[in-house]
Amino acid sequence: MADAQLPPAWTLQRIRDVSGDQEAVVLDPNRAVKWLAFDGANEVLHPEIVLGFHGLCLVKAVHDDDWYMGSLYDDGSIDCWAAYDDLYEALRGL
């Protein structure tokens, strides 16, 4: 968990307040993450930041400004199926 980090200018409490999930957590980014494209051309994402919200999560990939929403599985892997331009909108979309 030493590599887990928050987005710049955000606190965990602010993330919890905006999302409405008071149990939101920052997760270790060292995990398998896929973007499930509509055309079936799935893409591996390399997470920089991962935020957990029970069975859902938000992922900020390295060298990408988008936030990806996805399902968090028991093995720690994530399949993302929605993308947002900014964190605030992604948190509101949970």
Protein backbone atom coordinates (compact mmCIF):
# COMPACT_ATOMS: atom_id res chain seq x y z
CA MET A 1 0.00 0.00 0.00
CA ALA A 2 3.06 2.24 0.09
CA ASP A 3 2.51 3.13 -3.58
CA ALA A 4 -1.13 4.17 -3.08
CA GLN A 5 -1.72 7.87 -3.58
CA LEU A 6 -4.42 10.50 -3.74
CA PRO A 7 -5.05 12.75 -6.75
CA PRO A 8 -3.37 16.18 -6.49
CA ALA A 9 -5.42 18.72 -4.48
CA TRP A 10 -7.80 16.02 -3.18
CA THR A 11 -8.14 14.60 0.32
CA LEU A 12 -9.73 11.29 1.19
CA GLN A 13 -12.46 13.16 3.08
CA ARG A 14 -13.27 15.31 0.03
CA ILE A 15 -13.47 12.17 -2.13
CA ARG A 16 -15.84 10.64 0.42
CA ASP A 17 -17.97 13.79 0.58
CA VAL A 18 -18.34 14.16 -3.20
CA SER A 19 -18.96 10.46 -3.80
CA GLY A 20 -21.31 10.05 -0.85
CA ASP A 21 -19.37 6.93 0.21
CA GLN A 22 -17.85 7.46 3.65
CA GLU A 23 -15.95 4.17 3.33
CA ALA A 24 -14.09 5.09 0.12
CA VAL A 25 -10.42 4.05 0.18
CA VAL A 26 -7.24 4.58 -1.80
CA LEU A 27 -6.05 1.26 -3.21
CA ASP A 28 -2.64 0.04 -4.30
CA PRO A 29 -2.29 0.69 -8.05
CA ASN A 30 -0.28 -2.50 -8.60
CA ARG A 31 -3.08 -4.59 -10.09
CA ALA A 32 -4.46 -5.78 -13.43
CA VAL A 33 -6.81 -3.25 -15.04
CA LYS A 34 -8.60 -3.53 -18.40
CA TRP A 35 -10.68 -1.05 -20.38
CA LEU A 36 -13.58 -2.98 -21.93
CA ALA A 37 -14.12 -1.17 -25.22
CA PHE A 38 -17.53 -1.28 -26.91
CA ASP A 39 -15.97 -2.73 -30.08
CA GLY A 40 -14.44 -5.62 -28.11
CA ALA A 41 -10.86 -4.31 -28.45
CA ASN A 42 -10.02 -4.44 -24.76
CA GLU A 43 -7.02 -2.41 -23.61
CA VAL A 44 -4.69 -2.93 -20.65
CA LEU A 45 -4.50 0.18 -18.45
CA HIS A 46 -1.51 1.00 -16.27
CA PRO A 47 -3.01 2.55 -13.13
CA GLU A 48 -1.42 5.49 -11.37
CA ILE A 49 -4.25 6.04 -8.87
CA VAL A 50 -7.01 3.63 -7.81
CA LEU A 51 -9.92 4.65 -5.57
CA GLY A 52 -12.20 1.96 -4.13
CA PHE A 53 -15.93 2.29 -3.41
CA HIS A 54 -17.11 -1.13 -2.25
CA GLY A 55 -17.43 -3.18 -5.48
CA LEU A 56 -16.71 -0.21 -7.76
CA CYS A 57 -13.55 1.78 -8.32
CA LEU A 58 -12.12 4.72 -10.22
CA VAL A 59 -8.80 4.41 -12.01
CA LYS A 60 -6.48 7.17 -13.26
CA ALA A 61 -4.09 5.60 -15.75
CA VAL A 62 -0.49 6.72 -16.24
CA HIS A 63 -0.20 9.36 -19.01
CA ASP A 64 -3.99 9.70 -19.32
CA ASP A 65 -6.21 12.50 -18.00
CA ASP A 66 -9.41 10.42 -17.96
CA TRP A 67 -10.87 8.60 -14.95
CA TYR A 68 -12.15 5.10 -15.62
CA MET A 69 -14.98 3.51 -13.64
CA GLY A 70 -15.08 -0.20 -13.22
CA SER A 71 -15.81 -3.30 -11.20
CA LEU A 72 -13.35 -4.48 -8.56
CA TYR A 73 -13.09 -8.26 -8.35
CA ASP A 74 -12.11 -10.48 -5.42
CA ASP A 75 -8.70 -11.18 -7.00
CA GLY A 76 -7.97 -7.41 -7.08
CA SER A 77 -8.35 -7.03 -10.84
CA ILE A 78 -10.53 -4.32 -12.37
CA ASP A 79 -12.61 -4.21 -15.56
CA CYS A 80 -13.48 -0.63 -16.54
CA TRP A 81 -16.55 0.18 -18.61
CA ALA A 82 -17.05 3.97 -18.32
CA ALA A 83 -14.74 6.99 -18.63
CA TYR A 84 -15.00 10.55 -17.33
CA ASP A 85 -13.07 13.71 -18.15
CA ASP A 86 -12.52 14.68 -14.53
CA LEU A 87 -12.57 13.18 -11.07
CA TYR A 88 -15.47 15.23 -9.75
CA GLU A 89 -17.81 13.99 -12.50
CA ALA A 90 -16.57 10.42 -12.04
CA LEU A 91 -17.27 10.59 -8.29
CA ARG A 92 -20.77 11.95 -8.96
CA GLY A 93 -21.34 9.12 -11.44
CA LEU A 94 -20.76 6.35 -8.90
